[in-house]
Amino acid sequence: MATKTTPPVYDFDSWTEEAEAKAIAGLAPDIKYIIVEKNFIGRFVDGTIIELPLNVSLDTINELSETSDSPVDQIKLLLTKIGGAKAAAEFTRQNLAEAMALAVKFFDVFTRISQASLPE
């Protein structure tokens, strides 16, 4: 005989910004990365390592931006171009939050490198 389960009761009325911030902080992936020579090397939570070049041509950047505004799609295209379909598949099998976090970190590093060469 099957037993009836009672659905959980959610308390929407007492949910606060502080509770949300705490919940999000607990879910945020801890993506590590290093820069070795001219490569961004990121490590996902499961240990999968992704290598991306930091010396990308302007033609490649234009192609990435024309293809999609999404950093995740841009990283997939870049991985496919430089590492092949297998590297892109390793990236896309990751948790969405982790993939987005790695993509944002890559483009943040890329932006900081380009800004470092600007005169003050």
PDB file of N, CA and C in Angstrom:
ATOM      1  N   MET A   1       0.835  -1.161   0.000  1.00  0.00           N
ATOM      2  CA  MET A   1       0.000   0.000   0.000  1.00  0.00           C
ATOM      3  C   MET A   1       0.898   1.248   0.000  1.00  0.00           C
ATOM      4  N   ALA A   2       0.592   2.200  -0.857  1.00  0.00           N
ATOM      5  CA  ALA A   2       1.364   3.438  -0.968  1.00  0.00           C
ATOM      6  C   ALA A   2       0.946   4.406   0.132  1.00  0.00           C
ATOM      7  N   THR A   3       1.929   5.110   0.653  1.00  0.00           N
ATOM      8  CA  THR A   3       1.612   6.111   1.668  1.00  0.00           C
ATOM      9  C   THR A   3       1.556   7.481   1.018  1.00  0.00           C
ATOM     10  N   LYS A   4       0.698   8.304   1.542  1.00  0.00           N
ATOM     11  CA  LYS A   4       0.564   9.665   1.040  1.00  0.00           C
ATOM     12  C   LYS A   4       1.621  10.541   1.696  1.00  0.00           C
ATOM     13  N   THR A   5       2.262  11.350   0.881  1.00  0.00           N
ATOM     14  CA  THR A   5       3.211  12.300   1.441  1.00  0.00           C
ATOM     15  C   THR A   5       2.629  13.702   1.316  1.00  0.00           C
ATOM     16  N   THR A   6       2.927  14.487   2.299  1.00  0.00           N
ATOM     17  CA  THR A   6       2.451  15.862   2.296  1.00  0.00           C
ATOM     18  C   THR A   6       3.497  16.731   1.615  1.00  0.00           C
ATOM     19  N   PRO A   7       3.066  17.558   0.662  1.00  0.00           N
ATOM     20  CA  PRO A   7       4.054  18.432   0.005  1.00  0.00           C
ATOM     21  C   PRO A   7       4.634  19.427   1.013  1.00  0.00           C
ATOM     22  N   PRO A   8       5.872  19.859   0.779  1.00  0.00           N
ATOM     23  CA  PRO A   8       6.490  20.817   1.716  1.00  0.00           C
ATOM     24  C   PRO A   8       5.723  22.140   1.722  1.00  0.00           C
ATOM     25  N   VAL A   9       5.806  22.795   2.836  1.00  0.00           N
ATOM     26  CA  VAL A   9       5.183  24.114   2.976  1.00  0.00           C
ATOM     27  C   VAL A   9       6.291  25.146   2.836  1.00  0.00           C
ATOM     28  N   TYR A  10       6.121  26.051   1.891  1.00  0.00           N
ATOM     29  CA  TYR A  10       7.120  27.087   1.645  1.00  0.00           C
ATOM     30  C   TYR A  10       6.638  28.397   2.251  1.00  0.00           C
ATOM     31  N   ASP A  11       7.537  29.064   2.949  1.00  0.00           N
ATOM     32  CA  ASP A  11       7.191  30.320   3.612  1.00  0.00           C
ATOM     33  C   ASP A  11       7.700  31.491   2.766  1.00  0.00           C
ATOM     34  N   PHE A  12       6.924  31.875   1.768  1.00  0.00           N
ATOM     35  CA  PHE A  12       7.303  32.963   0.882  1.00  0.00           C
ATOM     36  C   PHE A  12       7.281  34.316   1.580  1.00  0.00           C
ATOM     37  N   ASP A  13       6.411  34.458   2.562  1.00  0.00           N
ATOM     38  CA  ASP A  13       6.227  35.757   3.216  1.00  0.00           C
ATOM     39  C   ASP A  13       7.415  36.185   4.068  1.00  0.00           C
ATOM     40  N   SER A  14       8.176  35.235   4.584  1.00  0.00           N
ATOM     41  CA  SER A  14       9.316  35.629   5.427  1.00  0.00           C
ATOM     42  C   SER A  14      10.648  35.613   4.670  1.00  0.00           C
ATOM     43  N   TRP A  15      10.605  35.375   3.355  1.00  0.00           N
ATOM     44  CA  TRP A  15      11.825  35.365   2.529  1.00  0.00           C
ATOM     45  C   TRP A  15      12.361  36.786   2.437  1.00  0.00           C
ATOM     46  N   THR A  16      13.655  36.959   2.681  1.00  0.00           N
ATOM     47  CA  THR A  16      14.267  38.283   2.686  1.00  0.00           C
ATOM     48  C   THR A  16      15.428  38.335   1.707  1.00  0.00           C
ATOM     49  N   GLU A  17      15.902  39.535   1.444  1.00  0.00           N
ATOM     50  CA  GLU A  17      17.083  39.692   0.591  1.00  0.00           C
ATOM     51  C   GLU A  17      18.294  39.032   1.237  1.00  0.00           C
ATOM     52  N   GLU A  18      18.367  39.103   2.561  1.00  0.00           N
ATOM     53  CA  GLU A  18      19.476  38.474   3.285  1.00  0.00           C
ATOM     54  C   GLU A  18      19.436  36.955   3.115  1.00  0.00           C
ATOM     55  N   ALA A  19      18.238  36.375   3.206  1.00  0.00           N
ATOM     56  CA  ALA A  19      18.092  34.930   3.011  1.00  0.00           C
ATOM     57  C   ALA A  19      18.470  34.542   1.581  1.00  0.00           C
ATOM     58  N   GLU A  20      18.081  35.382   0.634  1.00  0.00           N
ATOM     59  CA  GLU A  20      18.419  35.114  -0.764  1.00  0.00           C
ATOM     60  C   GLU A  20      19.924  35.185  -0.987  1.00  0.00           C
ATOM     61  N   ALA A  21      20.558  36.215  -0.441  1.00  0.00           N
ATOM     62  CA  ALA A  21      22.008  36.358  -0.587  1.00  0.00           C
ATOM     63  C   ALA A  21      22.737  35.152  -0.002  1.00  0.00           C
ATOM     64  N   LYS A  22      22.269  34.686   1.149  1.00  0.00           N
ATOM     65  CA  LYS A  22      22.889  33.523   1.793  1.00  0.00           C
ATOM     66  C   LYS A  22      22.686  32.265   0.946  1.00  0.00           C
ATOM     67  N   ALA A  23      21.480  32.096   0.398  1.00  0.00           N
ATOM     68  CA  ALA A  23      21.198  30.924  -0.437  1.00  0.00           C
ATOM     69  C   ALA A  23      22.050  30.932  -1.700  1.00  0.00           C
ATOM     70  N   ILE A  24      22.163  32.096  -2.323  1.00  0.00           N
ATOM     71  CA  ILE A  24      22.964  32.211  -3.552  1.00  0.00           C
ATOM     72  C   ILE A  24      24.440  31.960  -3.258  1.00  0.00           C
ATOM     73  N   ALA A  25      24.937  32.520  -2.167  1.00  0.00           N
ATOM     74  CA  ALA A  25      26.344  32.306  -1.798  1.00  0.00           C
ATOM     75  C   ALA A  25      26.624  30.818  -1.583  1.00  0.00           C
ATOM     76  N   GLY A  26      25.658  30.097  -1.037  1.00  0.00           N
ATOM     77  CA  GLY A  26      25.834  28.667  -0.810  1.00  0.00           C
ATOM     78  C   GLY A  26      25.819  27.852  -2.098  1.00  0.00           C
ATOM     79  N   LEU A  27      25.218  28.393  -3.143  1.00  0.00           N
ATOM     80  CA  LEU A  27      25.131  27.693  -4.421  1.00  0.00           C
ATOM     81  C   LEU A  27      26.214  28.097  -5.418  1.00  0.00           C
ATOM     82  N   ALA A  28      26.886  29.204  -5.162  1.00  0.00           N
ATOM     83  CA  ALA A  28      27.882  29.726  -6.104  1.00  0.00           C
ATOM     84  C   ALA A  28      29.031  28.729  -6.269  1.00  0.00           C
ATOM     85  N   PRO A  29      29.346  28.379  -7.517  1.00  0.00           N
ATOM     86  CA  PRO A  29      30.429  27.423  -7.748  1.00  0.00           C
ATOM     87  C   PRO A  29      31.799  28.053  -7.479  1.00  0.00           C
ATOM     88  N   ASP A  30      32.701  27.239  -6.985  1.00  0.00           N
ATOM     89  CA  ASP A  30      34.061  27.685  -6.682  1.00  0.00           C
ATOM     90  C   ASP A  30      34.961  27.289  -7.848  1.00  0.00           C
ATOM     91  N   ILE A  31      34.979  28.146  -8.876  1.00  0.00           N
ATOM     92  CA  ILE A  31      35.776  27.876 -10.068  1.00  0.00           C
ATOM     93  C   ILE A  31      37.167  28.482  -9.863  1.00  0.00           C
ATOM     94  N   LYS A  32      38.161  27.658  -9.963  1.00  0.00           N
ATOM     95  CA  LYS A  32      39.554  28.101  -9.817  1.00  0.00           C
ATOM     96  C   LYS A  32      40.153  28.279 -11.210  1.00  0.00           C
ATOM     97  N   TYR A  33      41.095  29.211 -11.302  1.00  0.00           N
ATOM     98  CA  TYR A  33      41.809  29.361 -12.565  1.00  0.00           C
ATOM     99  C   TYR A  33      43.209  29.891 -12.300  1.00  0.00           C
ATOM    100  N   ILE A  34      44.083  29.646 -13.260  1.00  0.00           N
ATOM    101  CA  ILE A  34      45.432  30.193 -13.242  1.00  0.00           C
ATOM    102  C   ILE A  34      45.743  30.668 -14.658  1.00  0.00           C
ATOM    103  N   ILE A  35      46.785  31.468 -14.756  1.00  0.00           N
ATOM    104  CA  ILE A  35      47.261  31.906 -16.062  1.00  0.00           C
ATOM    105  C   ILE A  35      48.668  31.358 -16.218  1.00  0.00           C
ATOM    106  N   VAL A  36      48.862  30.556 -17.245  1.00  0.00           N
ATOM    107  CA  VAL A  36      50.165  29.959 -17.513  1.00  0.00           C
ATOM    108  C   VAL A  36      50.551  30.352 -18.926  1.00  0.00           C
ATOM    109  N   GLU A  37      51.684  31.053 -19.015  1.00  0.00           N
ATOM    110  CA  GLU A  37      52.147  31.608 -20.284  1.00  0.00           C
ATOM    111  C   GLU A  37      51.022  32.448 -20.864  1.00  0.00           C
ATOM    112  N   LYS A  38      50.471  32.104 -21.983  1.00  0.00           N
ATOM    113  CA  LYS A  38      49.400  32.911 -22.579  1.00  0.00           C
ATOM    114  C   LYS A  38      48.081  32.143 -22.587  1.00  0.00           C
ATOM    115  N   ASN A  39      47.872  31.337 -21.538  1.00  0.00           N
ATOM    116  CA  ASN A  39      46.663  30.519 -21.464  1.00  0.00           C
ATOM    117  C   ASN A  39      45.932  30.704 -20.143  1.00  0.00           C
ATOM    118  N   PHE A  40      44.624  30.769 -20.230  1.00  0.00           N
ATOM    119  CA  PHE A  40      43.735  30.755 -19.075  1.00  0.00           C
ATOM    120  C   PHE A  40      43.394  29.290 -18.848  1.00  0.00           C
ATOM    121  N   ILE A  41      43.688  28.783 -17.673  1.00  0.00           N
ATOM    122  CA  ILE A  41      43.422  27.383 -17.363  1.00  0.00           C
ATOM    123  C   ILE A  41      42.450  27.354 -16.190  1.00  0.00           C
ATOM    124  N   GLY A  42      41.220  26.924 -16.483  1.00  0.00           N
ATOM    125  CA  GLY A  42      40.173  26.891 -15.469  1.00  0.00           C
ATOM    126  C   GLY A  42      39.897  25.468 -15.032  1.00  0.00           C
ATOM    127  N   ARG A  43      39.525  25.339 -13.753  1.00  0.00           N
ATOM    128  CA  ARG A  43      39.202  24.012 -13.218  1.00  0.00           C
ATOM    129  C   ARG A  43      37.792  24.039 -12.643  1.00  0.00           C
ATOM    130  N   PHE A  44      36.955  23.153 -13.154  1.00  0.00           N
ATOM    131  CA  PHE A  44      35.602  23.009 -12.650  1.00  0.00           C
ATOM    132  C   PHE A  44      35.622  22.279 -11.308  1.00  0.00           C
ATOM    133  N   VAL A  45      34.518  22.308 -10.611  1.00  0.00           N
ATOM    134  CA  VAL A  45      34.401  21.680  -9.301  1.00  0.00           C
ATOM    135  C   VAL A  45      34.706  20.184  -9.373  1.00  0.00           C
ATOM    136  N   ASP A  46      34.332  19.529 -10.481  1.00  0.00           N
ATOM    137  CA  ASP A  46      34.581  18.086 -10.613  1.00  0.00           C
ATOM    138  C   ASP A  46      36.021  17.762 -11.024  1.00  0.00           C
ATOM    139  N   GLY A  47      36.861  18.793 -11.183  1.00  0.00           N
ATOM    140  CA  GLY A  47      38.265  18.586 -11.549  1.00  0.00           C
ATOM    141  C   GLY A  47      38.557  18.722 -13.025  1.00  0.00           C
ATOM    142  N   THR A  48      37.536  18.830 -13.863  1.00  0.00           N
ATOM    143  CA  THR A  48      37.747  19.001 -15.303  1.00  0.00           C
ATOM    144  C   THR A  48      38.491  20.311 -15.552  1.00  0.00           C
ATOM    145  N   ILE A  49      39.526  20.243 -16.380  1.00  0.00           N
ATOM    146  CA  ILE A  49      40.347  21.410 -16.685  1.00  0.00           C
ATOM    147  C   ILE A  49      40.103  21.838 -18.129  1.00  0.00           C
ATOM    148  N   ILE A  50      39.904  23.139 -18.301  1.00  0.00           N
ATOM    149  CA  ILE A  50      39.686  23.730 -19.608  1.00  0.00           C
ATOM    150  C   ILE A  50      40.793  24.751 -19.851  1.00  0.00           C
ATOM    151  N   GLU A  51      41.438  24.682 -21.024  1.00  0.00           N
ATOM    152  CA  GLU A  51      42.474  25.651 -21.385  1.00  0.00           C
ATOM    153  C   GLU A  51      41.976  26.536 -22.515  1.00  0.00           C
ATOM    154  N   LEU A  52      42.148  27.841 -22.327  1.00  0.00           N
ATOM    155  CA  LEU A  52      41.751  28.816 -23.348  1.00  0.00           C
ATOM    156  C   LEU A  52      42.904  29.783 -23.581  1.00  0.00           C
ATOM    157  N   PRO A  53      43.184  30.102 -24.835  1.00  0.00           N
ATOM    158  CA  PRO A  53      44.272  31.046 -25.111  1.00  0.00           C
ATOM    159  C   PRO A  53      43.860  32.467 -24.748  1.00  0.00           C
ATOM    160  N   LEU A  54      44.831  33.236 -24.287  1.00  0.00           N
ATOM    161  CA  LEU A  54      44.590  34.650 -23.986  1.00  0.00           C
ATOM    162  C   LEU A  54      45.165  35.549 -25.078  1.00  0.00           C
ATOM    163  N   ASN A  55      45.685  34.962 -26.121  1.00  0.00           N
ATOM    164  CA  ASN A  55      46.181  35.728 -27.264  1.00  0.00           C
ATOM    165  C   ASN A  55      45.298  35.470 -28.480  1.00  0.00           C
ATOM    166  N   VAL A  56      44.038  35.827 -28.334  1.00  0.00           N
ATOM    167  CA  VAL A  56      43.033  35.597 -29.360  1.00  0.00           C
ATOM    168  C   VAL A  56      43.072  36.745 -30.363  1.00  0.00           C
ATOM    169  N   SER A  57      42.900  36.429 -31.646  1.00  0.00           N
ATOM    170  CA  SER A  57      42.922  37.465 -32.679  1.00  0.00           C
ATOM    171  C   SER A  57      41.628  38.278 -32.668  1.00  0.00           C
ATOM    172  N   LEU A  58      41.706  39.463 -33.225  1.00  0.00           N
ATOM    173  CA  LEU A  58      40.532  40.322 -33.354  1.00  0.00           C
ATOM    174  C   LEU A  58      39.485  39.659 -34.251  1.00  0.00           C
ATOM    175  N   ASP A  59      39.935  38.951 -35.278  1.00  0.00           N
ATOM    176  CA  ASP A  59      38.994  38.225 -36.144  1.00  0.00           C
ATOM    177  C   ASP A  59      38.194  37.198 -35.335  1.00  0.00           C
ATOM    178  N   THR A  60      38.867  36.496 -34.436  1.00  0.00           N
ATOM    179  CA  THR A  60      38.180  35.505 -33.604  1.00  0.00           C
ATOM    180  C   THR A  60      37.193  36.177 -32.665  1.00  0.00           C
ATOM    181  N   ILE A  61      37.594  37.284 -32.053  1.00  0.00           N
ATOM    182  CA  ILE A  61      36.690  38.021 -31.158  1.00  0.00           C
ATOM    183  C   ILE A  61      35.469  38.509 -31.928  1.00  0.00           C
ATOM    184  N   ASN A  62      35.679  39.031 -33.127  1.00  0.00           N
ATOM    185  CA  ASN A  62      34.552  39.472 -33.952  1.00  0.00           C
ATOM    186  C   ASN A  62      33.622  38.302 -34.272  1.00  0.00           C
ATOM    187  N   GLU A  63      34.195  37.160 -34.601  1.00  0.00           N
ATOM    188  CA  GLU A  63      33.385  35.982 -34.891  1.00  0.00           C
ATOM    189  C   GLU A  63      32.588  35.552 -33.664  1.00  0.00           C
ATOM    190  N   LEU A  64      33.223  35.581 -32.494  1.00  0.00           N
ATOM    191  CA  LEU A  64      32.527  35.207 -31.256  1.00  0.00           C
ATOM    192  C   LEU A  64      31.355  36.135 -30.987  1.00  0.00           C
ATOM    193  N   SER A  65      31.591  37.450 -31.127  1.00  0.00           N
ATOM    194  CA  SER A  65      30.533  38.409 -30.819  1.00  0.00           C
ATOM    195  C   SER A  65      29.423  38.396 -31.860  1.00  0.00           C
ATOM    196  N   GLU A  66      29.748  38.059 -33.109  1.00  0.00           N
ATOM    197  CA  GLU A  66      28.718  37.959 -34.144  1.00  0.00           C
ATOM    198  C   GLU A  66      27.865  36.714 -33.977  1.00  0.00           C
ATOM    199  N   THR A  67      28.445  35.678 -33.379  1.00  0.00           N
ATOM    200  CA  THR A  67      27.737  34.417 -33.210  1.00  0.00           C
ATOM    201  C   THR A  67      26.706  34.505 -32.090  1.00  0.00           C
ATOM    202  N   SER A  68      27.102  35.132 -30.976  1.00  0.00           N
ATOM    203  CA  SER A  68      26.206  35.175 -29.819  1.00  0.00           C
ATOM    204  C   SER A  68      26.668  36.239 -28.838  1.00  0.00           C
ATOM    205  N   ASP A  69      25.715  36.759 -28.056  1.00  0.00           N
ATOM    206  CA  ASP A  69      26.050  37.671 -26.971  1.00  0.00           C
ATOM    207  C   ASP A  69      26.350  36.910 -25.690  1.00  0.00           C
ATOM    208  N   SER A  70      26.040  35.633 -25.666  1.00  0.00           N
ATOM    209  CA  SER A  70      26.210  34.812 -24.465  1.00  0.00           C
ATOM    210  C   SER A  70      27.673  34.427 -24.268  1.00  0.00           C
ATOM    211  N   PRO A  71      28.242  34.739 -23.086  1.00  0.00           N
ATOM    212  CA  PRO A  71      29.625  34.318 -22.830  1.00  0.00           C
ATOM    213  C   PRO A  71      29.792  32.806 -22.917  1.00  0.00           C
ATOM    214  N   VAL A  72      28.778  32.058 -22.521  1.00  0.00           N
ATOM    215  CA  VAL A  72      28.863  30.597 -22.576  1.00  0.00           C
ATOM    216  C   VAL A  72      28.971  30.127 -24.028  1.00  0.00           C
ATOM    217  N   ASP A  73      28.126  30.669 -24.908  1.00  0.00           N
ATOM    218  CA  ASP A  73      28.205  30.298 -26.324  1.00  0.00           C
ATOM    219  C   ASP A  73      29.532  30.719 -26.936  1.00  0.00           C
ATOM    220  N   GLN A  74      30.040  31.869 -26.533  1.00  0.00           N
ATOM    221  CA  GLN A  74      31.318  32.339 -27.061  1.00  0.00           C
ATOM    222  C   GLN A  74      32.458  31.421 -26.631  1.00  0.00           C
ATOM    223  N   ILE A  75      32.435  30.975 -25.374  1.00  0.00           N
ATOM    224  CA  ILE A  75      33.466  30.048 -24.893  1.00  0.00           C
ATOM    225  C   ILE A  75      33.358  28.718 -25.650  1.00  0.00           C
ATOM    226  N   LYS A  76      32.138  28.226 -25.877  1.00  0.00           N
ATOM    227  CA  LYS A  76      31.958  26.977 -26.630  1.00  0.00           C
ATOM    228  C   LYS A  76      32.563  27.096 -28.019  1.00  0.00           C
ATOM    229  N   LEU A  77      32.299  28.206 -28.696  1.00  0.00           N
ATOM    230  CA  LEU A  77      32.851  28.407 -30.033  1.00  0.00           C
ATOM    231  C   LEU A  77      34.377  28.485 -29.983  1.00  0.00           C
ATOM    232  N   LEU A  78      34.901  29.235 -29.021  1.00  0.00           N
ATOM    233  CA  LEU A  78      36.353  29.354 -28.885  1.00  0.00           C
ATOM    234  C   LEU A  78      36.982  27.991 -28.601  1.00  0.00           C
ATOM    235  N   LEU A  79      36.385  27.219 -27.713  1.00  0.00           N
ATOM    236  CA  LEU A  79      36.907  25.884 -27.412  1.00  0.00           C
ATOM    237  C   LEU A  79      36.858  24.986 -28.640  1.00  0.00           C
ATOM    238  N   THR A  80      35.776  25.064 -29.394  1.00  0.00           N
ATOM    239  CA  THR A  80      35.646  24.251 -30.604  1.00  0.00           C
ATOM    240  C   THR A  80      36.732  24.625 -31.608  1.00  0.00           C
ATOM    241  N   LYS A  81      36.979  25.942 -31.766  1.00  0.00           N
ATOM    242  CA  LYS A  81      37.989  26.401 -32.723  1.00  0.00           C
ATOM    243  C   LYS A  81      39.400  25.981 -32.325  1.00  0.00           C
ATOM    244  N   ILE A  82      39.721  26.064 -31.028  1.00  0.00           N
ATOM    245  CA  ILE A  82      41.109  25.798 -30.623  1.00  0.00           C
ATOM    246  C   ILE A  82      41.338  24.399 -30.085  1.00  0.00           C
ATOM    247  N   GLY A  83      40.323  23.822 -29.458  1.00  0.00           N
ATOM    248  CA  GLY A  83      40.518  22.526 -28.830  1.00  0.00           C
ATOM    249  C   GLY A  83      39.738  21.397 -29.466  1.00  0.00           C
ATOM    250  N   GLY A  84      38.864  21.751 -30.394  1.00  0.00           N
ATOM    251  CA  GLY A  84      38.068  20.739 -31.059  1.00  0.00           C
ATOM    252  C   GLY A  84      36.767  20.450 -30.322  1.00  0.00           C
ATOM    253  N   ALA A  85      35.990  19.583 -30.913  1.00  0.00           N
ATOM    254  CA  ALA A  85      34.662  19.260 -30.390  1.00  0.00           C
ATOM    255  C   ALA A  85      34.732  18.619 -29.002  1.00  0.00           C
ATOM    256  N   LYS A  86      35.786  17.842 -28.739  1.00  0.00           N
ATOM    257  CA  LYS A  86      35.902  17.168 -27.439  1.00  0.00           C
ATOM    258  C   LYS A  86      36.048  18.198 -26.306  1.00  0.00           C
ATOM    259  N   ALA A  87      36.870  19.210 -26.516  1.00  0.00           N
ATOM    260  CA  ALA A  87      37.052  20.249 -25.490  1.00  0.00           C
ATOM    261  C   ALA A  87      35.749  20.997 -25.254  1.00  0.00           C
ATOM    262  N   ALA A  88      35.033  21.301 -26.325  1.00  0.00           N
ATOM    263  CA  ALA A  88      33.745  21.988 -26.193  1.00  0.00           C
ATOM    264  C   ALA A  88      32.744  21.099 -25.468  1.00  0.00           C
ATOM    265  N   ALA A  89      32.766  19.808 -25.731  1.00  0.00           N
ATOM    266  CA  ALA A  89      31.853  18.875 -25.061  1.00  0.00           C
ATOM    267  C   ALA A  89      32.151  18.794 -23.572  1.00  0.00           C
ATOM    268  N   GLU A  90      33.426  18.831 -23.193  1.00  0.00           N
ATOM    269  CA  GLU A  90      33.798  18.835 -21.768  1.00  0.00           C
ATOM    270  C   GLU A  90      33.212  20.059 -21.072  1.00  0.00           C
ATOM    271  N   PHE A  91      33.240  21.183 -21.764  1.00  0.00           N
ATOM    272  CA  PHE A  91      32.704  22.427 -21.211  1.00  0.00           C
ATOM    273  C   PHE A  91      31.187  22.351 -21.077  1.00  0.00           C
ATOM    274  N   THR A  92      30.509  21.880 -22.115  1.00  0.00           N
ATOM    275  CA  THR A  92      29.050  21.909 -22.111  1.00  0.00           C
ATOM    276  C   THR A  92      28.424  20.855 -21.202  1.00  0.00           C
ATOM    277  N   ARG A  93      29.170  19.850 -20.805  1.00  0.00           N
ATOM    278  CA  ARG A  93      28.593  18.856 -19.902  1.00  0.00           C
ATOM    279  C   ARG A  93      28.597  19.331 -18.451  1.00  0.00           C
ATOM    280  N   GLN A  94      29.220  20.472 -18.205  1.00  0.00           N
ATOM    281  CA  GLN A  94      29.298  21.014 -16.851  1.00  0.00           C
ATOM    282  C   GLN A  94      27.970  21.648 -16.436  1.00  0.00           C
ATOM    283  N   ASN A  95      27.806  21.770 -15.144  1.00  0.00           N
ATOM    284  CA  ASN A  95      26.667  22.474 -14.557  1.00  0.00           C
ATOM    285  C   ASN A  95      26.612  23.882 -15.148  1.00  0.00           C
ATOM    286  N   LEU A  96      25.412  24.364 -15.467  1.00  0.00           N
ATOM    287  CA  LEU A  96      25.260  25.672 -16.112  1.00  0.00           C
ATOM    288  C   LEU A  96      25.891  26.791 -15.291  1.00  0.00           C
ATOM    289  N   ALA A  97      25.672  26.796 -13.985  1.00  0.00           N
ATOM    290  CA  ALA A  97      26.243  27.859 -13.149  1.00  0.00           C
ATOM    291  C   ALA A  97      27.769  27.842 -13.206  1.00  0.00           C
ATOM    292  N   GLU A  98      28.359  26.654 -13.225  1.00  0.00           N
ATOM    293  CA  GLU A  98      29.814  26.544 -13.305  1.00  0.00           C
ATOM    294  C   GLU A  98      30.320  27.009 -14.663  1.00  0.00           C
ATOM    295  N   ALA A  99      29.638  26.617 -15.729  1.00  0.00           N
ATOM    296  CA  ALA A  99      30.048  27.032 -17.076  1.00  0.00           C
ATOM    297  C   ALA A  99      29.984  28.551 -17.203  1.00  0.00           C
ATOM    298  N   MET A 100      28.918  29.138 -16.693  1.00  0.00           N
ATOM    299  CA  MET A 100      28.789  30.594 -16.759  1.00  0.00           C
ATOM    300  C   MET A 100      29.866  31.272 -15.920  1.00  0.00           C
ATOM    301  N   ALA A 101      30.140  30.740 -14.737  1.00  0.00           N
ATOM    302  CA  ALA A 101      31.161  31.331 -13.870  1.00  0.00           C
ATOM    303  C   ALA A 101      32.533  31.289 -14.536  1.00  0.00           C
ATOM    304  N   LEU A 102      32.868  30.167 -15.177  1.00  0.00           N
ATOM    305  CA  LEU A 102      34.160  30.066 -15.855  1.00  0.00           C
ATOM    306  C   LEU A 102      34.219  31.035 -17.025  1.00  0.00           C
ATOM    307  N   ALA A 103      33.143  31.125 -17.795  1.00  0.00           N
ATOM    308  CA  ALA A 103      33.121  32.032 -18.945  1.00  0.00           C
ATOM    309  C   ALA A 103      33.290  33.479 -18.502  1.00  0.00           C
ATOM    310  N   VAL A 104      32.605  33.862 -17.454  1.00  0.00           N
ATOM    311  CA  VAL A 104      32.716  35.236 -16.947  1.00  0.00           C
ATOM    312  C   VAL A 104      34.132  35.508 -16.462  1.00  0.00           C
ATOM    313  N   LYS A 105      34.744  34.556 -15.758  1.00  0.00           N
ATOM    314  CA  LYS A 105      36.115  34.750 -15.271  1.00  0.00           C
ATOM    315  C   LYS A 105      37.093  34.881 -16.443  1.00  0.00           C
ATOM    316  N   PHE A 106      36.914  34.051 -17.476  1.00  0.00           N
ATOM    317  CA  PHE A 106      37.786  34.141 -18.645  1.00  0.00           C
ATOM    318  C   PHE A 106      37.700  35.524 -19.275  1.00  0.00           C
ATOM    319  N   PHE A 107      36.489  35.988 -19.542  1.00  0.00           N
ATOM    320  CA  PHE A 107      36.336  37.278 -20.202  1.00  0.00           C
ATOM    321  C   PHE A 107      36.751  38.431 -19.295  1.00  0.00           C
ATOM    322  N   ASP A 108      36.626  38.263 -17.988  1.00  0.00           N
ATOM    323  CA  ASP A 108      37.107  39.281 -17.053  1.00  0.00           C
ATOM    324  C   ASP A 108      38.632  39.381 -17.130  1.00  0.00           C
ATOM    325  N   VAL A 109      39.315  38.248 -17.131  1.00  0.00           N
ATOM    326  CA  VAL A 109      40.778  38.249 -17.255  1.00  0.00           C
ATOM    327  C   VAL A 109      41.177  38.853 -18.596  1.00  0.00           C
ATOM    328  N   PHE A 110      40.497  38.446 -19.648  1.00  0.00           N
ATOM    329  CA  PHE A 110      40.787  38.965 -20.986  1.00  0.00           C
ATOM    330  C   PHE A 110      40.631  40.487 -21.017  1.00  0.00           C
ATOM    331  N   THR A 111      39.580  40.998 -20.413  1.00  0.00           N
ATOM    332  CA  THR A 111      39.346  42.447 -20.347  1.00  0.00           C
ATOM    333  C   THR A 111      40.436  43.138 -19.542  1.00  0.00           C
ATOM    334  N   ARG A 112      40.804  42.564 -18.409  1.00  0.00           N
ATOM    335  CA  ARG A 112      41.842  43.180 -17.570  1.00  0.00           C
ATOM    336  C   ARG A 112      43.183  43.222 -18.289  1.00  0.00           C
ATOM    337  N   ILE A 113      43.488  42.197 -19.070  1.00  0.00           N
ATOM    338  CA  ILE A 113      44.739  42.190 -19.841  1.00  0.00           C
ATOM    339  C   ILE A 113      44.714  43.314 -20.868  1.00  0.00           C
ATOM    340  N   SER A 114      43.607  43.465 -21.559  1.00  0.00           N
ATOM    341  CA  SER A 114      43.541  44.504 -22.584  1.00  0.00           C
ATOM    342  C   SER A 114      43.586  45.884 -21.961  1.00  0.00           C
ATOM    343  N   GLN A 115      43.010  46.072 -20.783  1.00  0.00           N
ATOM    344  CA  GLN A 115      43.036  47.373 -20.110  1.00  0.00           C
ATOM    345  C   GLN A 115      44.412  47.678 -19.533  1.00  0.00           C
ATOM    346  N   ALA A 116      45.165  46.645 -19.192  1.00  0.00           N
ATOM    347  CA  ALA A 116      46.494  46.849 -18.622  1.00  0.00           C
ATOM    348  C   ALA A 116      47.450  47.478 -19.633  1.00  0.00           C
ATOM    349  N   SER A 117      47.161  47.296 -20.907  1.00  0.00           N
ATOM    350  CA  SER A 117      48.047  47.851 -21.936  1.00  0.00           C
ATOM    351  C   SER A 117      47.674  49.270 -22.337  1.00  0.00           C
ATOM    352  N   LEU A 118      46.569  49.778 -21.793  1.00  0.00           N
ATOM    353  CA  LEU A 118      46.153  51.140 -22.127  1.00  0.00           C
ATOM    354  C   LEU A 118      46.962  52.158 -21.322  1.00  0.00           C
ATOM    355  N   PRO A 119      47.317  53.294 -21.917  1.00  0.00           N
ATOM    356  CA  PRO A 119      48.015  54.314 -21.147  1.00  0.00           C
ATOM    357  C   PRO A 119      47.068  54.957 -20.129  1.00  0.00           C
ATOM    358  N   GLU A 120      47.633  55.406 -19.026  1.00  0.00           N
ATOM    359  CA  GLU A 120      46.809  56.018 -17.975  1.00  0.00           C
ATOM    360  C   GLU A 120      46.511  57.465 -18.271  1.00  0.00           C
TER     361      GLU A 120
END
